[in-house]
């Protein structure tokens, strides 16, 4: 099984490297005050994450922020949820690269900040984090990953709400 995962990782990183040639979006450090539009990506497969992310998105909206929420459901069936765009295993190839139009549209969407709440490795969501055209990408620190302008260092077992809370706290601490 480990051999298959290594093969999938090699194919995935090869695609990332190939598609990154010439990909030079504008990046800019932001703080919470200056950011007006947010994106949140997370794994909807993790139990309890949907309700928690919806609450955090609502909290951001109550502070005058525009929020788009995008989730990956590691299943062949799909259950749409209010205010959350979901893609699933049917929307990715066998080594984890998304192939659906809704993923590409989300990556192209203009946002100030994207919160990549991915505490454990997840190739489809990592792809979105890498290719997002958001001005500032915030993610979870992993050795060898330099896809983000800002990172939070959390344990792999950290819940998605705690990851998002730390990301927002980090944004609040930045003085521009």
C-alpha atoms as a PDB file:
ATOM      1  CA  UNK A   1       0.000   0.000   0.000  1.00  0.00           C
ATOM      2  CA  UNK A   2       2.854   2.366   0.806  1.00  0.00           C
ATOM      3  CA  UNK A   3       4.325   1.744  -2.650  1.00  0.00           C
ATOM      4  CA  UNK A   4       1.039   2.760  -4.307  1.00  0.00           C
ATOM      5  CA  UNK A   5       0.881   5.963  -2.227  1.00  0.00           C
ATOM      6  CA  UNK A   6       4.464   6.792  -3.209  1.00  0.00           C
ATOM      7  CA  UNK A   7       3.573   6.330  -6.892  1.00  0.00           C
ATOM      8  CA  UNK A   8       0.483   8.533  -6.493  1.00  0.00           C
ATOM      9  CA  UNK A   9       2.592  11.200  -4.753  1.00  0.00           C
ATOM     10  CA  UNK A  10       5.163  11.165  -7.555  1.00  0.00           C
ATOM     11  CA  UNK A  11       2.489  11.583 -10.227  1.00  0.00           C
ATOM     12  CA  UNK A  12       0.756  14.299  -8.184  1.00  0.00           C
ATOM     13  CA  UNK A  13       3.940  16.323  -7.639  1.00  0.00           C
ATOM     14  CA  UNK A  14       4.923  15.872 -11.279  1.00  0.00           C
ATOM     15  CA  UNK A  15       1.601  17.403 -12.370  1.00  0.00           C
ATOM     16  CA  UNK A  16       2.002  20.261  -9.875  1.00  0.00           C
ATOM     17  CA  UNK A  17       5.505  20.986 -11.158  1.00  0.00           C
ATOM     18  CA  UNK A  18       4.460  20.828 -14.816  1.00  0.00           C
ATOM     19  CA  UNK A  19       1.359  23.033 -14.367  1.00  0.00           C
ATOM     20  CA  UNK A  20       3.292  25.528 -12.248  1.00  0.00           C
ATOM     21  CA  UNK A  21       5.514  26.500 -15.176  1.00  0.00           C
ATOM     22  CA  UNK A  22       4.504  30.040 -16.052  1.00  0.00           C
ATOM     23  CA  UNK A  23       1.992  30.214 -13.172  1.00  0.00           C
ATOM     24  CA  UNK A  24       2.850  33.490 -11.422  1.00  0.00           C
ATOM     25  CA  UNK A  25      -0.181  34.878  -9.584  1.00  0.00           C
ATOM     26  CA  UNK A  26       0.122  38.080  -7.566  1.00  0.00           C
ATOM     27  CA  UNK A  27       0.707  37.444  -3.863  1.00  0.00           C
ATOM     28  CA  UNK A  28       0.428  39.925  -1.033  1.00  0.00           C
ATOM     29  CA  UNK A  29       0.631  39.676   2.741  1.00  0.00           C
ATOM     30  CA  UNK A  30      -2.661  40.669   4.345  1.00  0.00           C
ATOM     31  CA  UNK A  31      -4.079  41.066   7.802  1.00  0.00           C
ATOM     32  CA  UNK A  32      -7.607  40.458   9.014  1.00  0.00           C
ATOM     33  CA  UNK A  33      -8.639  44.103   8.744  1.00  0.00           C
ATOM     34  CA  UNK A  34      -7.496  44.584   5.158  1.00  0.00           C
ATOM     35  CA  UNK A  35      -8.930  41.287   3.883  1.00  0.00           C
ATOM     36  CA  UNK A  36     -12.460  41.621   2.531  1.00  0.00           C
ATOM     37  CA  UNK A  37     -12.937  38.281   0.731  1.00  0.00           C
ATOM     38  CA  UNK A  38     -12.108  34.878   2.184  1.00  0.00           C
ATOM     39  CA  UNK A  39     -12.073  31.344   0.871  1.00  0.00           C
ATOM     40  CA  UNK A  40     -12.065  28.313   3.131  1.00  0.00           C
ATOM     41  CA  UNK A  41     -11.100  24.848   1.916  1.00  0.00           C
ATOM     42  CA  UNK A  42     -11.381  21.756   4.095  1.00  0.00           C
ATOM     43  CA  UNK A  43     -12.061  18.003   4.143  1.00  0.00           C
ATOM     44  CA  UNK A  44     -15.791  17.389   4.554  1.00  0.00           C
ATOM     45  CA  UNK A  45     -15.080  13.692   5.124  1.00  0.00           C
ATOM     46  CA  UNK A  46     -13.892  14.512   8.659  1.00  0.00           C
ATOM     47  CA  UNK A  47     -16.802  14.104  11.046  1.00  0.00           C
ATOM     48  CA  UNK A  48     -18.144  17.354  12.499  1.00  0.00           C
ATOM     49  CA  UNK A  49     -16.122  19.590  10.207  1.00  0.00           C
ATOM     50  CA  UNK A  50     -19.079  20.881   8.163  1.00  0.00           C
ATOM     51  CA  UNK A  51     -20.956  22.392  11.081  1.00  0.00           C
ATOM     52  CA  UNK A  52     -17.802  23.911  12.564  1.00  0.00           C
ATOM     53  CA  UNK A  53     -16.673  25.470   9.267  1.00  0.00           C
ATOM     54  CA  UNK A  54     -20.171  26.825   8.618  1.00  0.00           C
ATOM     55  CA  UNK A  55     -20.116  28.538  12.035  1.00  0.00           C
ATOM     56  CA  UNK A  56     -16.700  30.081  11.371  1.00  0.00           C
ATOM     57  CA  UNK A  57     -17.802  31.252   7.911  1.00  0.00           C
ATOM     58  CA  UNK A  58     -20.906  32.816   9.455  1.00  0.00           C
ATOM     59  CA  UNK A  59     -18.759  34.537  12.074  1.00  0.00           C
ATOM     60  CA  UNK A  60     -16.591  36.022   9.309  1.00  0.00           C
ATOM     61  CA  UNK A  61     -19.695  37.184   7.415  1.00  0.00           C
ATOM     62  CA  UNK A  62     -20.982  38.855  10.585  1.00  0.00           C
ATOM     63  CA  UNK A  63     -17.726  40.848  10.613  1.00  0.00           C
ATOM     64  CA  UNK A  64     -18.428  42.132   7.102  1.00  0.00           C
ATOM     65  CA  UNK A  65     -16.308  39.610   5.192  1.00  0.00           C
ATOM     66  CA  UNK A  66     -17.400  37.836   2.019  1.00  0.00           C
ATOM     67  CA  UNK A  67     -16.768  34.080   2.392  1.00  0.00           C
ATOM     68  CA  UNK A  68     -16.706  31.209  -0.114  1.00  0.00           C
ATOM     69  CA  UNK A  69     -16.487  27.688   1.327  1.00  0.00           C
ATOM     70  CA  UNK A  70     -15.218  24.736  -0.717  1.00  0.00           C
ATOM     71  CA  UNK A  71     -14.962  21.174   0.593  1.00  0.00           C
ATOM     72  CA  UNK A  72     -13.690  17.785  -0.533  1.00  0.00           C
ATOM     73  CA  UNK A  73     -15.759  14.697   0.298  1.00  0.00           C
ATOM     74  CA  UNK A  74     -13.744  11.498  -0.125  1.00  0.00           C
ATOM     75  CA  UNK A  75     -16.686   9.482  -1.369  1.00  0.00           C
ATOM     76  CA  UNK A  76     -18.335   8.682  -4.710  1.00  0.00           C
ATOM     77  CA  UNK A  77     -21.685  10.115  -3.620  1.00  0.00           C
ATOM     78  CA  UNK A  78     -22.179  13.783  -2.968  1.00  0.00           C
ATOM     79  CA  UNK A  79     -24.415  15.576  -0.523  1.00  0.00           C
ATOM     80  CA  UNK A  80     -24.702  19.284  -1.202  1.00  0.00           C
ATOM     81  CA  UNK A  81     -24.762  21.501   1.835  1.00  0.00           C
ATOM     82  CA  UNK A  82     -25.950  25.061   2.248  1.00  0.00           C
ATOM     83  CA  UNK A  83     -23.276  27.681   1.540  1.00  0.00           C
ATOM     84  CA  UNK A  84     -20.654  24.993   0.782  1.00  0.00           C
ATOM     85  CA  UNK A  85     -19.530  23.884  -2.673  1.00  0.00           C
ATOM     86  CA  UNK A  86     -18.510  20.239  -2.485  1.00  0.00           C
ATOM     87  CA  UNK A  87     -16.454  18.130  -4.840  1.00  0.00           C
ATOM     88  CA  UNK A  88     -15.806  14.426  -4.364  1.00  0.00           C
ATOM     89  CA  UNK A  89     -13.789  11.414  -5.493  1.00  0.00           C
ATOM     90  CA  UNK A  90     -15.544  11.510  -8.892  1.00  0.00           C
ATOM     91  CA  UNK A  91     -13.980  14.934  -9.466  1.00  0.00           C
ATOM     92  CA  UNK A  92     -10.338  13.820  -9.050  1.00  0.00           C
ATOM     93  CA  UNK A  93      -8.126  11.407 -10.944  1.00  0.00           C
ATOM     94  CA  UNK A  94      -6.558   8.311  -9.356  1.00  0.00           C
ATOM     95  CA  UNK A  95      -3.546  10.208  -8.000  1.00  0.00           C
ATOM     96  CA  UNK A  96      -5.489  13.124  -6.514  1.00  0.00           C
ATOM     97  CA  UNK A  97      -5.476  15.881  -9.122  1.00  0.00           C
ATOM     98  CA  UNK A  98      -8.886  17.577  -9.414  1.00  0.00           C
ATOM     99  CA  UNK A  99     -10.427  17.484 -12.877  1.00  0.00           C
ATOM    100  CA  UNK A 100     -13.793  19.214 -12.456  1.00  0.00           C
ATOM    101  CA  UNK A 101     -14.711  22.675 -13.697  1.00  0.00           C
ATOM    102  CA  UNK A 102     -15.937  23.781 -10.262  1.00  0.00           C
ATOM    103  CA  UNK A 103     -12.448  23.186  -8.818  1.00  0.00           C
ATOM    104  CA  UNK A 104     -10.818  25.193 -11.598  1.00  0.00           C
ATOM    105  CA  UNK A 105     -13.363  27.993 -11.131  1.00  0.00           C
ATOM    106  CA  UNK A 106     -12.648  28.106  -7.392  1.00  0.00           C
ATOM    107  CA  UNK A 107      -8.891  28.264  -8.041  1.00  0.00           C
ATOM    108  CA  UNK A 108      -9.428  31.176 -10.462  1.00  0.00           C
ATOM    109  CA  UNK A 109     -11.680  33.064  -8.070  1.00  0.00           C
ATOM    110  CA  UNK A 110     -10.309  36.419  -6.892  1.00  0.00           C
ATOM    111  CA  UNK A 111      -9.986  36.429  -3.098  1.00  0.00           C
ATOM    112  CA  UNK A 112      -7.918  38.312  -0.598  1.00  0.00           C
ATOM    113  CA  UNK A 113      -7.250  35.298   1.654  1.00  0.00           C
ATOM    114  CA  UNK A 114      -7.721  31.556   1.355  1.00  0.00           C
ATOM    115  CA  UNK A 115      -7.687  29.534   4.569  1.00  0.00           C
ATOM    116  CA  UNK A 116      -6.434  26.034   3.714  1.00  0.00           C
ATOM    117  CA  UNK A 117      -7.650  24.064   6.737  1.00  0.00           C
ATOM    118  CA  UNK A 118      -5.878  20.829   5.856  1.00  0.00           C
ATOM    119  CA  UNK A 119      -4.320  19.367   9.045  1.00  0.00           C
ATOM    120  CA  UNK A 120      -3.554  16.020   7.346  1.00  0.00           C
ATOM    121  CA  UNK A 121      -2.244  15.448   3.805  1.00  0.00           C
ATOM    122  CA  UNK A 122      -5.002  15.688   1.186  1.00  0.00           C
ATOM    123  CA  UNK A 123      -3.832  15.904  -2.428  1.00  0.00           C
ATOM    124  CA  UNK A 124      -7.041  17.379  -3.960  1.00  0.00           C
ATOM    125  CA  UNK A 125      -7.147  20.208  -1.404  1.00  0.00           C
ATOM    126  CA  UNK A 126      -3.382  20.755  -1.587  1.00  0.00           C
ATOM    127  CA  UNK A 127      -3.789  21.204  -5.340  1.00  0.00           C
ATOM    128  CA  UNK A 128      -6.369  23.944  -4.759  1.00  0.00           C
ATOM    129  CA  UNK A 129      -4.166  25.638  -2.169  1.00  0.00           C
ATOM    130  CA  UNK A 130      -1.236  25.606  -4.581  1.00  0.00           C
ATOM    131  CA  UNK A 131      -3.126  26.957  -7.598  1.00  0.00           C
ATOM    132  CA  UNK A 132      -5.462  29.378  -5.829  1.00  0.00           C
ATOM    133  CA  UNK A 133      -5.215  32.918  -7.156  1.00  0.00           C
ATOM    134  CA  UNK A 134      -5.969  34.321  -3.706  1.00  0.00           C
ATOM    135  CA  UNK A 135      -3.606  37.131  -2.775  1.00  0.00           C
ATOM    136  CA  UNK A 136      -2.647  35.480   0.524  1.00  0.00           C
ATOM    137  CA  UNK A 137      -2.741  31.733   1.189  1.00  0.00           C
ATOM    138  CA  UNK A 138      -2.648  30.481   4.760  1.00  0.00           C
ATOM    139  CA  UNK A 139      -1.974  26.818   5.399  1.00  0.00           C
ATOM    140  CA  UNK A 140      -0.704  24.242   7.840  1.00  0.00           C
ATOM    141  CA  UNK A 141       3.070  23.934   8.141  1.00  0.00           C
ATOM    142  CA  UNK A 142       4.535  20.725   6.728  1.00  0.00           C
ATOM    143  CA  UNK A 143       8.200  20.062   6.127  1.00  0.00           C
ATOM    144  CA  UNK A 144       9.081  20.824   2.494  1.00  0.00           C
ATOM    145  CA  UNK A 145       5.800  22.623   1.705  1.00  0.00           C
ATOM    146  CA  UNK A 146       6.244  26.244   0.655  1.00  0.00           C
ATOM    147  CA  UNK A 147       2.872  26.827  -0.993  1.00  0.00           C
ATOM    148  CA  UNK A 148       1.681  29.400   1.525  1.00  0.00           C
ATOM    149  CA  UNK A 149       2.472  32.995   2.401  1.00  0.00           C
ATOM    150  CA  UNK A 150       1.553  32.287   6.044  1.00  0.00           C
ATOM    151  CA  UNK A 151       1.526  29.002   7.969  1.00  0.00           C
ATOM    152  CA  UNK A 152       0.349  27.755  11.331  1.00  0.00           C
ATOM    153  CA  UNK A 153       2.152  24.920  13.067  1.00  0.00           C
ATOM    154  CA  UNK A 154      -0.356  22.432  14.475  1.00  0.00           C
ATOM    155  CA  UNK A 155      -0.336  18.740  15.355  1.00  0.00           C
ATOM    156  CA  UNK A 156      -1.825  16.379  12.746  1.00  0.00           C
ATOM    157  CA  UNK A 157      -4.719  15.518  15.068  1.00  0.00           C
ATOM    158  CA  UNK A 158      -5.770  19.154  15.437  1.00  0.00           C
ATOM    159  CA  UNK A 159      -9.408  19.700  14.532  1.00  0.00           C
ATOM    160  CA  UNK A 160     -10.343  21.850  11.560  1.00  0.00           C
ATOM    161  CA  UNK A 161     -12.063  24.503  13.743  1.00  0.00           C
ATOM    162  CA  UNK A 162      -8.896  24.856  15.847  1.00  0.00           C
ATOM    163  CA  UNK A 163      -6.791  25.174  12.681  1.00  0.00           C
ATOM    164  CA  UNK A 164      -9.101  27.906  11.347  1.00  0.00           C
ATOM    165  CA  UNK A 165      -9.101  29.719  14.692  1.00  0.00           C
ATOM    166  CA  UNK A 166      -5.292  29.776  14.695  1.00  0.00           C
ATOM    167  CA  UNK A 167      -5.232  31.067  11.109  1.00  0.00           C
ATOM    168  CA  UNK A 168      -7.626  33.906  11.937  1.00  0.00           C
ATOM    169  CA  UNK A 169      -5.654  34.676  15.108  1.00  0.00           C
ATOM    170  CA  UNK A 170      -2.467  34.864  13.009  1.00  0.00           C
ATOM    171  CA  UNK A 171      -4.166  37.293  10.599  1.00  0.00           C
ATOM    172  CA  UNK A 172      -5.259  39.433  13.541  1.00  0.00           C
ATOM    173  CA  UNK A 173      -1.661  39.648  14.813  1.00  0.00           C
ATOM    174  CA  UNK A 174      -0.240  41.017  11.571  1.00  0.00           C
ATOM    175  CA  UNK A 175       0.327  44.757  11.584  1.00  0.00           C
ATOM    176  CA  UNK A 176       0.564  46.386   8.148  1.00  0.00           C
END
